[in-house]
Amino acid sequence: MFIYTVQPGDSVFHIAAKFQVSMSALSTANGVANTPLIPGESLFIPSSVYIVQPGDSLYTLSQMSFTSESALRAANRLPSDNLTPGMRLYIPPRPKYPIEGLSYLVPTTPSQDQSMANLFATYNAYYGIFEYHFYANGDLSTLDDSVFVAAARNNHVAPLATITNLTAQGFSGSLASQVLNSPSARQRLINNILYLRTSHQFAGVNVDFEEVLEGDRDAYTGFLHQLKQALSPRGYYTSVALPPKTSDNVPWLRGYDYGGIGSVVDFAFIMAYDFHEAHTQPGPVAPITGVTQTIEYTLQYMRANKIILGVPRYGYDWILDANGTATSASAVSVSSAVQTARQYQVPIQFSTQDQQPYFRYQDTSGRSHVVWFEDARARAAKFQLVVNYRLRGVGAWQLQFEFPQAIPLIQEFFTPKKII
């Protein structure tokens, strides 16, 4: 495979002919048919043969195919690195790295839940079913997730109950503090989690406490230890979702003791995204430097076989005022972001430093927008990190955000494992 960046004048027909792949294969891999393409859009090309284009070099092909120059050179027995337009080059298959996938699903309707669970089952070992939130006394909210749980198990995917400190106002560090520091509420919460696991046939839990206060650092680790002691003898998983830490110098992340947490849980889903989000100024959602620094920081405190890299299936669309300052933002899927660029006929730019695409446009009301999101180039770069650092796996928030190239890329890079 290789990833092609759409150029001015390109069409699905033109690209299929240029690289001698069927329009059907190209359309299926990228969720496009006769859709007009926009310059800067990235497409997954499902072919092991590359037709050299003017201006190509062995280096640029290695970047497009995520294959080393030496492997390309050897596979094609090239006497030199000089390439001639029209030359056919073979892209050797990459060794597929085994992973355990963990991705999140939010229940909607029974038919949609069944469809989503079936669609992504091949590529995941776990589904994090989102979400059960707790109250100050340790009681849990309810959720109609019976279709998801049954469909997950029928497809040999382990369903995990995602336990959060969400409130109507968002994640609450003060609510978490109240429960973590109350022995009776904490024990009641653990008892309720055990009952939930049994009554709903979950394979374990995924604890997603966000905005944990610095003063609750040890209490949070202690809670996870206590929960693990309750779940482990029964053969259930204790996992956690953690914000992306790159150092100990970020004040609002000091509530997370990566070392203590890593020693307790079975595995951790590292939420390596939202480096910029709806409440910040515009910028890359998951810049490659930040993601790499997060992995390297995490590896100081827990083994690679406990780390699942979380990646986004979305971006943000920020509205700007006359001074260029963001006034609001909304999350957009990868497909939605690309469709917006097509609608307003604006080219997609790509930050090589951040390995993330972005574009600007003006809506019909005259408001200025900037959109940063994930695409096939950005996703492939993160998948390569999973391979390079030999992590346990990779997963996504969340599967309802449409991202056509995600599945072909998983098939290209990985051999997904099953644990049930």
Protein backbone atom coordinates (compact mmCIF):
# COMPACT_ATOMS: atom_id res chain seq x y z
CA MET A 1 0.00 0.00 0.00
CA PHE A 2 0.93 3.65 -0.18
CA ILE A 3 -0.77 6.93 0.69
CA TYR A 4 -1.31 9.41 -2.09
CA THR A 5 -1.97 13.13 -1.64
CA VAL A 6 -4.55 14.43 -4.12
CA GLN A 7 -3.21 17.01 -6.57
CA PRO A 8 -5.14 19.73 -8.46
CA GLY A 9 -7.12 18.17 -11.31
CA ASP A 10 -7.14 14.66 -9.83
CA SER A 11 -10.26 12.50 -9.85
CA VAL A 12 -10.97 8.97 -8.62
CA PHE A 13 -10.85 7.78 -12.24
CA HIS A 14 -7.56 9.60 -12.91
CA ILE A 15 -5.87 8.25 -9.76
CA ALA A 16 -7.10 4.70 -10.40
CA ALA A 17 -5.71 4.85 -13.93
CA LYS A 18 -2.46 6.47 -12.83
CA PHE A 19 -1.67 3.70 -10.36
CA GLN A 20 -3.45 0.87 -12.19
CA VAL A 21 -5.88 -0.03 -9.44
CA SER A 22 -9.60 -0.55 -9.87
CA MET A 23 -11.95 2.31 -9.12
CA SER A 24 -13.95 -0.08 -6.96
CA ALA A 25 -10.95 -0.91 -4.73
CA LEU A 26 -9.98 2.74 -4.49
CA SER A 27 -13.51 3.82 -3.65
CA THR A 28 -14.01 1.09 -1.03
CA ALA A 29 -10.74 1.86 0.78
CA ASN A 30 -11.44 5.58 0.97
CA GLY A 31 -15.21 5.94 1.10
CA VAL A 32 -15.33 7.80 -2.20
CA ALA A 33 -17.12 7.02 -5.46
CA ASN A 34 -17.46 9.70 -8.10
CA THR A 35 -17.05 12.27 -5.36
CA PRO A 36 -15.05 15.34 -6.44
CA LEU A 37 -11.72 15.28 -4.62
CA ILE A 38 -9.98 18.22 -3.02
CA PRO A 39 -6.24 18.98 -3.28
CA GLY A 40 -4.41 17.86 -0.17
CA GLU A 41 -6.80 15.01 0.60
CA SER A 42 -4.99 11.78 1.45
CA LEU A 43 -6.02 8.47 -0.12
CA PHE A 44 -5.09 4.91 0.78
CA ILE A 45 -3.96 3.16 -2.43
CA PRO A 46 -4.50 -0.62 -2.07
CA SER A 47 -1.69 -1.74 -4.35
CA SER A 48 1.73 -3.33 -3.98
CA VAL A 49 2.88 -1.75 -7.26
CA TYR A 50 3.77 1.92 -7.57
CA ILE A 51 4.02 3.71 -10.90
CA VAL A 52 6.76 6.33 -10.59
CA GLN A 53 5.57 9.89 -11.21
CA PRO A 54 7.62 12.93 -12.26
CA GLY A 55 9.54 14.32 -9.31
CA ASP A 56 9.44 11.06 -7.32
CA SER A 57 12.45 9.78 -5.45
CA LEU A 58 13.14 6.65 -3.44
CA TYR A 59 12.85 8.79 -0.30
CA THR A 60 9.41 10.18 -1.18
CA LEU A 61 8.16 6.68 -2.01
CA SER A 62 9.47 5.37 1.31
CA GLN A 63 7.52 8.14 3.06
CA MET A 64 4.34 7.35 1.12
CA SER A 65 4.55 3.60 1.69
CA PHE A 66 6.04 3.58 5.22
CA THR A 67 8.67 1.22 3.86
CA SER A 68 12.41 1.78 4.25
CA GLU A 69 14.49 2.86 1.29
CA SER A 70 16.70 -0.19 1.74
CA ALA A 71 13.69 -2.53 1.58
CA LEU A 72 12.46 -0.84 -1.60
CA ARG A 73 15.93 -0.96 -3.10
CA ALA A 74 16.34 -4.67 -2.32
CA ALA A 75 12.82 -5.68 -3.43
CA ASN A 76 13.33 -4.03 -6.82
CA ARG A 77 17.04 -4.82 -7.25
CA LEU A 78 17.70 -1.20 -8.09
CA PRO A 79 21.22 -0.55 -9.38
CA SER A 80 20.88 3.09 -8.30
CA ASP A 81 18.39 5.42 -6.60
CA ASN A 82 17.56 7.17 -9.88
CA LEU A 83 13.89 6.67 -10.76
CA THR A 84 12.29 7.20 -14.18
CA PRO A 85 8.65 8.27 -14.60
CA GLY A 86 6.55 5.26 -15.61
CA MET A 87 8.83 2.78 -13.84
CA ARG A 88 6.92 0.07 -11.93
CA LEU A 89 8.20 -0.49 -8.41
CA TYR A 90 7.16 -3.32 -6.12
CA ILE A 91 6.33 -2.37 -2.53
CA PRO A 92 7.19 -5.41 -0.39
CA PRO A 93 4.67 -6.53 2.23
CA ARG A 94 5.39 -5.35 5.75
CA PRO A 95 5.58 -7.83 8.63
CA LYS A 96 2.27 -7.51 10.46
CA TYR A 97 2.60 -6.67 14.15
CA PRO A 98 0.23 -8.44 16.59
CA ILE A 99 -1.95 -6.11 18.66
CA GLU A 100 -4.84 -6.09 21.08
CA GLY A 101 -7.27 -3.39 19.99
CA LEU A 102 -9.45 -1.41 22.41
CA SER A 103 -11.96 1.04 20.97
CA TYR A 104 -14.96 2.84 22.43
CA LEU A 105 -18.60 2.62 21.46
CA VAL A 106 -21.55 4.68 22.70
CA PRO A 107 -24.95 2.90 22.68
CA THR A 108 -27.54 4.54 20.42
CA THR A 109 -30.27 2.28 18.99
CA PRO A 110 -30.37 -1.54 19.03
CA SER A 111 -29.94 -1.85 15.25
CA GLN A 112 -27.07 0.64 15.12
CA ASP A 113 -25.41 -0.95 18.15
CA GLN A 114 -25.55 -4.38 16.51
CA SER A 115 -24.18 -3.02 13.23
CA MET A 116 -21.29 -1.12 14.85
CA ALA A 117 -20.29 -4.02 17.08
CA ASN A 118 -20.22 -6.38 14.09
CA LEU A 119 -18.40 -3.96 11.78
CA PHE A 120 -15.36 -3.41 13.98
CA ALA A 121 -15.18 -6.75 15.79
CA THR A 122 -12.41 -8.20 13.63
CA TYR A 123 -10.05 -5.38 14.62
CA ASN A 124 -10.62 -5.21 18.38
CA ALA A 125 -9.95 -7.44 21.34
CA TYR A 126 -11.96 -5.15 23.64
CA TYR A 127 -14.85 -2.72 23.37
CA GLY A 128 -15.05 0.05 25.93
CA ILE A 129 -18.78 0.62 26.29
CA PHE A 130 -19.28 4.26 27.23
CA GLU A 131 -20.33 5.05 29.90
CA TYR A 132 -21.40 4.42 33.50
CA HIS A 133 -20.86 7.40 35.79
CA PHE A 134 -20.94 7.31 39.56
CA TYR A 135 -22.58 9.49 42.16
CA ALA A 136 -21.27 10.85 45.44
CA ASN A 137 -22.56 7.85 47.41
CA GLY A 138 -20.90 5.33 45.08
CA ASP A 139 -24.00 4.38 43.11
CA LEU A 140 -23.75 3.94 39.33
CA SER A 141 -25.90 5.30 36.52
CA THR A 142 -27.75 2.94 34.19
CA LEU A 143 -27.15 2.25 30.51
CA ASP A 144 -28.98 0.14 27.94
CA ASP A 145 -26.00 -1.71 26.50
CA SER A 146 -27.37 -5.25 26.28
CA VAL A 147 -27.16 -5.34 22.47
CA PHE A 148 -23.54 -4.16 22.49
CA VAL A 149 -22.49 -6.66 25.15
CA ALA A 150 -24.16 -9.59 23.42
CA ALA A 151 -22.84 -8.61 19.99
CA ALA A 152 -19.34 -8.14 21.39
CA ARG A 153 -19.28 -11.57 22.97
CA ASN A 154 -20.78 -13.19 19.86
CA ASN A 155 -17.87 -11.70 17.91
CA HIS A 156 -15.23 -12.71 20.50
CA VAL A 157 -14.65 -9.15 21.65
CA ALA A 158 -14.33 -8.62 25.41
CA PRO A 159 -16.83 -5.94 26.54
CA LEU A 160 -15.53 -3.55 29.18
CA ALA A 161 -17.74 -1.26 31.27
CA THR A 162 -16.31 2.25 31.09
CA ILE A 163 -16.63 3.88 34.54
CA THR A 164 -16.39 7.68 34.56
CA ASN A 165 -16.69 10.73 36.78
CA LEU A 166 -18.88 12.51 34.24
CA THR A 167 -21.57 14.92 35.41
CA ALA A 168 -23.97 17.21 33.59
CA GLN A 169 -21.19 19.82 33.63
CA GLY A 170 -18.48 17.45 32.36
CA PHE A 171 -15.79 15.41 34.09
CA SER A 172 -15.63 16.34 37.78
CA GLY A 173 -12.41 16.15 39.76
CA SER A 174 -14.29 17.19 42.89
CA LEU A 175 -16.77 14.31 42.54
CA ALA A 176 -13.89 11.87 42.10
CA SER A 177 -12.20 13.38 45.17
CA GLN A 178 -15.33 12.99 47.24
CA VAL A 179 -15.68 9.29 46.44
CA LEU A 180 -11.97 8.43 46.50
CA ASN A 181 -11.61 9.89 49.99
CA SER A 182 -14.73 8.29 51.46
CA PRO A 183 -14.07 4.67 52.47
CA SER A 184 -17.78 3.84 52.45
CA ALA A 185 -18.52 5.47 49.06
CA ARG A 186 -15.40 3.95 47.51
CA GLN A 187 -16.32 0.45 48.72
CA ARG A 188 -19.90 0.94 47.56
CA LEU A 189 -18.65 1.94 44.11
CA ILE A 190 -16.45 -1.17 43.91
CA ASN A 191 -19.35 -3.37 45.01
CA ASN A 192 -21.58 -1.79 42.36
CA ILE A 193 -18.93 -2.34 39.69
CA LEU A 194 -18.72 -6.01 40.67
CA TYR A 195 -22.51 -6.33 40.47
CA LEU A 196 -22.54 -4.55 37.12
CA ARG A 197 -19.90 -6.89 35.75
CA THR A 198 -21.91 -9.93 36.77
CA SER A 199 -25.36 -8.70 35.79
CA HIS A 200 -24.28 -7.39 32.37
CA GLN A 201 -21.66 -10.06 31.58
CA PHE A 202 -18.78 -7.64 31.16
CA ALA A 203 -15.26 -9.05 30.86
CA GLY A 204 -13.91 -6.27 33.07
CA VAL A 205 -13.84 -2.52 33.44
CA ASN A 206 -12.12 0.49 31.94
CA VAL A 207 -11.79 3.27 34.52
CA ASP A 208 -11.86 6.74 32.98
CA PHE A 209 -11.58 9.25 35.82
CA GLU A 210 -10.58 12.58 34.27
CA GLU A 211 -9.34 15.78 35.93
CA VAL A 212 -8.17 13.85 39.01
CA LEU A 213 -6.79 16.37 41.51
CA GLU A 214 -3.10 16.40 42.45
CA GLY A 215 -4.03 15.81 46.08
CA ASP A 216 -5.89 12.62 45.10
CA ARG A 217 -2.95 11.06 43.29
CA ASP A 218 -2.35 8.30 45.86
CA ALA A 219 -6.06 7.84 46.58
CA TYR A 220 -6.73 7.18 42.89
CA THR A 221 -3.95 4.62 42.63
CA GLY A 222 -5.19 3.04 45.84
CA PHE A 223 -8.72 2.81 44.47
CA LEU A 224 -7.45 1.03 41.34
CA HIS A 225 -5.48 -1.38 43.51
CA GLN A 226 -8.56 -2.13 45.61
CA LEU A 227 -10.65 -2.62 42.45
CA LYS A 228 -8.05 -4.93 40.94
CA GLN A 229 -8.04 -7.04 44.11
CA ALA A 230 -11.79 -7.45 43.75
CA LEU A 231 -11.80 -8.22 40.03
CA SER A 232 -8.63 -10.21 39.41
CA PRO A 233 -9.44 -13.34 41.46
CA ARG A 234 -12.63 -13.67 39.43
CA GLY A 235 -10.70 -13.44 36.15
CA TYR A 236 -11.88 -9.96 35.12
CA TYR A 237 -9.81 -7.19 33.57
CA THR A 238 -8.91 -3.95 35.31
CA SER A 239 -7.91 -1.31 32.79
CA VAL A 240 -7.69 2.45 32.81
CA ALA A 241 -7.88 5.37 30.37
CA LEU A 242 -5.17 7.96 31.05
CA PRO A 243 -4.60 11.50 29.72
CA PRO A 244 -1.41 12.03 27.69
CA LYS A 245 1.44 13.00 30.01
CA THR A 246 4.75 14.10 28.51
CA SER A 247 6.34 15.12 31.83
CA ASP A 248 5.59 15.59 35.53
CA ASN A 249 5.51 19.36 35.08
CA VAL A 250 1.91 19.72 33.89
CA PRO A 251 -0.04 20.86 36.98
CA TRP A 252 -3.45 19.50 35.95
CA LEU A 253 -2.03 16.01 35.27
CA ARG A 254 -0.23 15.48 38.57
CA GLY A 255 -3.16 13.47 39.87
CA TYR A 256 -2.02 10.56 37.70
CA ASP A 257 0.83 8.44 39.06
CA TYR A 258 1.75 6.53 35.92
CA GLY A 259 4.16 4.29 37.82
CA GLY A 260 1.71 3.37 40.55
CA ILE A 261 -1.17 2.93 38.11
CA GLY A 262 0.95 0.88 35.71
CA SER A 263 1.93 -1.52 38.50
CA VAL A 264 -1.73 -2.15 39.34
CA VAL A 265 -3.79 -2.37 36.14
CA ASP A 266 -3.76 -5.05 33.47
CA PHE A 267 -3.33 -2.42 30.76
CA ALA A 268 -3.73 1.30 30.13
CA PHE A 269 -5.37 3.08 27.19
CA ILE A 270 -3.33 6.27 26.71
CA MET A 271 -5.59 9.00 25.33
CA ALA A 272 -2.96 10.48 23.02
CA TYR A 273 -5.22 13.16 21.60
CA ASP A 274 -6.87 16.48 22.48
CA PHE A 275 -3.53 18.27 22.67
CA HIS A 276 -5.76 21.00 21.25
CA GLU A 277 -9.50 20.73 21.80
CA ALA A 278 -12.76 22.64 21.95
CA HIS A 279 -11.67 24.79 24.91
CA THR A 280 -8.25 25.77 23.54
CA GLN A 281 -7.07 27.80 20.61
CA PRO A 282 -6.77 25.91 17.30
CA GLY A 283 -3.96 23.45 16.73
CA PRO A 284 -3.17 19.80 15.98
CA VAL A 285 -5.37 17.36 17.87
CA ALA A 286 -2.75 14.60 18.00
CA PRO A 287 0.64 15.96 16.87
CA ILE A 288 3.21 13.25 16.25
CA THR A 289 5.79 14.90 18.55
CA GLY A 290 3.34 15.04 21.44
CA VAL A 291 2.22 11.46 20.85
CA THR A 292 5.83 10.25 20.71
CA GLN A 293 6.74 12.13 23.89
CA THR A 294 3.70 10.62 25.61
CA ILE A 295 4.77 7.09 24.65
CA GLU A 296 8.33 7.69 25.80
CA TYR A 297 7.17 9.20 29.10
CA THR A 298 4.78 6.29 29.70
CA LEU A 299 7.51 3.73 28.99
CA GLN A 300 9.49 5.14 31.90
CA TYR A 301 6.75 3.96 34.25
CA MET A 302 5.10 0.90 32.72
CA ARG A 303 6.01 -1.92 30.38
CA ALA A 304 5.22 -1.67 26.68
CA ASN A 305 2.96 -4.72 26.91
CA LYS A 306 0.63 -2.74 29.17
CA ILE A 307 0.24 0.24 26.83
CA ILE A 308 -2.57 0.63 24.30
CA LEU A 309 -2.11 3.79 22.25
CA GLY A 310 -5.36 5.72 21.91
CA VAL A 311 -5.79 7.58 18.62
CA PRO A 312 -8.59 9.92 17.43
CA ARG A 313 -11.13 9.42 14.68
CA TYR A 314 -11.99 13.09 14.68
CA GLY A 315 -10.79 16.68 14.76
CA TYR A 316 -12.17 20.09 15.67
CA ASP A 317 -13.72 22.91 13.68
CA TRP A 318 -12.96 26.23 15.41
CA ILE A 319 -14.87 29.45 14.68
CA LEU A 320 -12.64 32.54 14.78
CA ASP A 321 -13.43 36.16 15.57
CA ALA A 322 -12.10 39.15 13.63
CA ASN A 323 -8.80 38.95 15.54
CA GLY A 324 -8.29 35.28 14.67
CA THR A 325 -9.14 34.10 18.19
CA ALA A 326 -11.27 30.99 18.57
CA THR A 327 -14.68 31.67 20.10
CA SER A 328 -16.11 28.14 19.92
CA ALA A 329 -15.41 24.72 18.45
CA SER A 330 -17.13 21.43 17.68
CA ALA A 331 -15.82 17.93 17.14
CA VAL A 332 -15.97 16.62 13.56
CA SER A 333 -15.31 13.17 12.16
CA VAL A 334 -12.55 12.64 9.61
CA SER A 335 -15.14 12.17 6.87
CA SER A 336 -17.01 15.28 7.94
CA ALA A 337 -13.84 17.39 7.94
CA VAL A 338 -12.95 16.31 4.40
CA GLN A 339 -16.52 16.88 3.24
CA THR A 340 -16.39 20.43 4.61
CA ALA A 341 -13.19 21.13 2.67
CA ARG A 342 -14.89 19.81 -0.47
CA GLN A 343 -18.04 21.85 0.17
CA TYR A 344 -16.12 25.11 0.48
CA GLN A 345 -13.55 24.15 -2.16
CA VAL A 346 -10.52 24.86 0.02
CA PRO A 347 -7.31 22.82 -0.22
CA ILE A 348 -6.18 20.72 2.72
CA GLN A 349 -2.78 21.64 4.10
CA PHE A 350 -0.47 19.25 5.98
CA SER A 351 1.89 20.08 8.82
CA THR A 352 4.96 17.90 8.37
CA GLN A 353 6.12 18.86 11.87
CA ASP A 354 2.86 17.74 13.50
CA GLN A 355 1.92 15.09 10.92
CA GLN A 356 -1.65 16.47 10.94
CA PRO A 357 -3.84 18.01 8.23
CA TYR A 358 -5.70 21.30 8.54
CA PHE A 359 -7.54 23.88 6.44
CA ARG A 360 -9.28 27.22 6.70
CA TYR A 361 -12.58 28.31 5.23
CA GLN A 362 -15.25 30.99 5.46
CA ASP A 363 -18.83 29.80 5.95
CA THR A 364 -21.95 31.19 4.29
CA SER A 365 -22.42 33.63 7.19
CA GLY A 366 -18.95 35.06 6.61
CA ARG A 367 -17.42 33.50 9.72
CA SER A 368 -13.82 32.28 9.55
CA HIS A 369 -13.03 28.69 10.55
CA VAL A 370 -9.94 26.56 10.98
CA VAL A 371 -10.13 22.76 11.09
CA TRP A 372 -7.47 20.36 12.37
CA PHE A 373 -8.12 16.63 12.11
CA GLU A 374 -6.68 13.14 11.53
CA ASP A 375 -6.18 11.52 8.12
CA ALA A 376 -4.57 8.45 6.57
CA ARG A 377 -1.06 9.99 6.69
CA ALA A 378 -1.43 10.96 10.33
CA ARG A 379 -2.90 7.57 11.29
CA ALA A 380 -0.19 5.58 9.50
CA ALA A 381 2.51 7.56 11.32
CA LYS A 382 0.93 6.65 14.68
CA PHE A 383 0.56 3.00 13.71
CA GLN A 384 4.27 2.98 12.92
CA LEU A 385 4.94 4.20 16.48
CA VAL A 386 2.99 1.24 17.87
CA VAL A 387 5.23 -1.08 15.87
CA ASN A 388 8.46 0.76 16.67
CA TYR A 389 7.82 0.85 20.43
CA ARG A 390 6.33 -2.69 20.52
CA LEU A 391 3.20 -1.60 22.37
CA ARG A 392 0.38 -3.89 23.46
CA GLY A 393 -2.00 -2.39 20.99
CA VAL A 394 -3.91 0.55 19.59
CA GLY A 395 -7.46 1.78 19.89
CA ALA A 396 -9.71 4.68 19.04
CA TRP A 397 -12.07 7.22 20.46
CA GLN A 398 -14.66 6.62 19.20
CA LEU A 399 -15.88 4.25 16.52
CA GLN A 400 -19.01 6.23 15.64
CA PHE A 401 -16.79 8.94 14.10
CA GLU A 402 -16.47 7.93 10.44
CA PHE A 403 -12.92 7.37 9.17
CA PRO A 404 -12.92 5.19 6.00
CA GLN A 405 -9.17 4.55 5.79
CA ALA A 406 -8.83 3.35 9.40
CA ILE A 407 -9.72 -0.29 8.69
CA PRO A 408 -7.48 -0.68 5.58
CA LEU A 409 -4.59 0.77 7.59
CA ILE A 410 -5.17 -1.66 10.47
CA GLN A 411 -5.18 -4.50 7.96
CA GLU A 412 -1.93 -3.22 6.49
CA PHE A 413 0.00 -2.76 9.75
CA PHE A 414 -1.38 -5.31 12.20
CA THR A 415 -2.63 -8.76 13.03
CA PRO A 416 -5.41 -8.13 15.57
CA LYS A 417 -5.57 -10.64 18.42
CA LYS A 418 -8.52 -12.04 20.34
CA ILE A 419 -8.56 -12.74 24.07
CA ILE A 420 -11.97 -14.42 24.40
